[in-house]
Amino acid sequence: RYIFNWAHWGIGSVTEIMAVAAMFLGMLQSSLPLPQPWATHVLIGYVTWLASLRFLLLMHKHLYIKKSALGSDDTQAILSDQSEHGRWV
């Protein structure tokens, strides 16, 4: 499972980088009449939004794991109750 997670993350990241590079290169085609400065700014805004979203999700994951590693009494009580009885009653 560990290898699959890293491979899935790596392949997804490489594909996303290639897709953004293809969008930037595709804007240079002469057959695509785009308003040049406006389209470039929109694409730069998209890449900035994508990078900031990834960073925010990474920070959320880091802070969530840090808090859950400490463990709360409620979480431990819920987990211990489920493992002891094993039924709904």
Protein backbone atom coordinates (compact mmCIF):
# COMPACT_ATOMS: atom_id res chain seq x y z
CA ARG A 1 0.00 0.00 0.00
CA TYR A 2 2.87 2.34 0.82
CA ILE A 3 4.46 1.92 -2.63
CA PHE A 4 1.11 2.38 -4.36
CA ASN A 5 0.45 5.64 -2.49
CA TRP A 6 3.83 7.12 -3.43
CA ALA A 7 3.56 5.93 -7.04
CA HIS A 8 0.03 7.32 -7.33
CA TRP A 9 1.13 10.67 -5.89
CA GLY A 10 4.23 10.82 -8.12
CA ILE A 11 2.49 9.92 -11.35
CA GLY A 12 -0.36 12.33 -10.60
CA SER A 13 2.03 15.18 -9.86
CA VAL A 14 4.09 14.57 -13.00
CA THR A 15 0.94 14.44 -15.14
CA GLU A 16 -0.33 17.66 -13.64
CA ILE A 17 2.98 19.43 -14.32
CA MET A 18 2.96 18.15 -17.90
CA ALA A 19 -0.62 19.35 -18.38
CA VAL A 20 0.23 22.87 -17.19
CA ALA A 21 3.30 22.92 -19.45
CA ALA A 22 1.12 21.82 -22.37
CA MET A 23 -1.32 24.66 -21.64
CA PHE A 24 1.48 27.23 -21.65
CA LEU A 25 2.94 25.81 -24.86
CA GLY A 26 -0.50 25.56 -26.46
CA MET A 27 -1.05 29.28 -25.98
CA LEU A 28 1.86 29.96 -28.34
CA GLN A 29 0.16 28.30 -31.31
CA SER A 30 -0.64 30.69 -34.11
CA SER A 31 -3.87 28.84 -34.95
CA LEU A 32 -5.32 29.72 -31.56
CA PRO A 33 -6.32 33.40 -31.56
CA LEU A 34 -6.07 34.28 -27.86
CA PRO A 35 -5.64 37.77 -26.47
CA GLN A 36 -1.98 37.32 -25.54
CA PRO A 37 -1.45 39.22 -22.28
CA TRP A 38 -4.91 38.41 -20.90
CA ALA A 39 -4.69 34.66 -21.55
CA THR A 40 -1.22 34.48 -20.02
CA HIS A 41 -2.38 36.25 -16.87
CA VAL A 42 -5.36 33.92 -16.54
CA LEU A 43 -3.12 30.88 -16.84
CA ILE A 44 -0.64 32.29 -14.33
CA GLY A 45 -3.57 32.91 -11.97
CA TYR A 46 -4.70 29.31 -12.41
CA VAL A 47 -1.23 27.97 -11.59
CA THR A 48 -0.99 30.26 -8.56
CA TRP A 49 -4.41 29.12 -7.33
CA LEU A 50 -3.45 25.48 -7.86
CA ALA A 51 -0.17 25.86 -5.97
CA SER A 52 -1.78 27.76 -3.09
CA LEU A 53 -4.55 25.17 -2.82
CA ARG A 54 -1.99 22.39 -2.66
CA PHE A 55 -0.05 24.28 0.00
CA LEU A 56 -3.17 24.89 2.09
CA LEU A 57 -4.16 21.23 1.90
CA LEU A 58 -0.64 20.21 2.88
CA MET A 59 -0.71 22.54 5.89
CA HIS A 60 -4.16 21.26 6.88
CA LYS A 61 -2.94 17.69 6.68
CA HIS A 62 0.16 18.51 8.71
CA LEU A 63 -1.81 20.29 11.45
CA TYR A 64 -4.54 17.63 11.50
CA ILE A 65 -2.04 14.80 11.86
CA LYS A 66 -0.16 16.76 14.54
CA LYS A 67 -3.35 17.21 16.57
CA SER A 68 -4.55 13.65 16.06
CA ALA A 69 -1.15 12.24 17.01
CA LEU A 70 -1.61 13.68 20.48
CA GLY A 71 -4.89 11.80 20.69
CA SER A 72 -7.97 12.98 22.48
CA ASP A 73 -9.83 11.15 25.21
CA ASP A 74 -13.03 11.12 23.13
CA THR A 75 -11.35 9.45 20.17
CA GLN A 76 -9.73 6.83 22.34
CA ALA A 77 -13.01 6.17 24.18
CA ILE A 78 -14.90 5.71 20.93
CA LEU A 79 -12.28 3.39 19.53
CA SER A 80 -12.08 1.31 22.69
CA ASP A 81 -15.90 1.02 22.93
CA GLN A 82 -16.14 -0.28 19.38
CA SER A 83 -13.35 -2.78 19.80
CA GLU A 84 -14.68 -4.20 23.08
CA HIS A 85 -18.31 -4.88 22.16
CA GLY A 86 -18.20 -5.48 18.43
CA ARG A 87 -21.97 -5.07 18.08
CA TRP A 88 -24.52 -2.24 17.77
CA VAL A 89 -26.33 -2.65 21.08
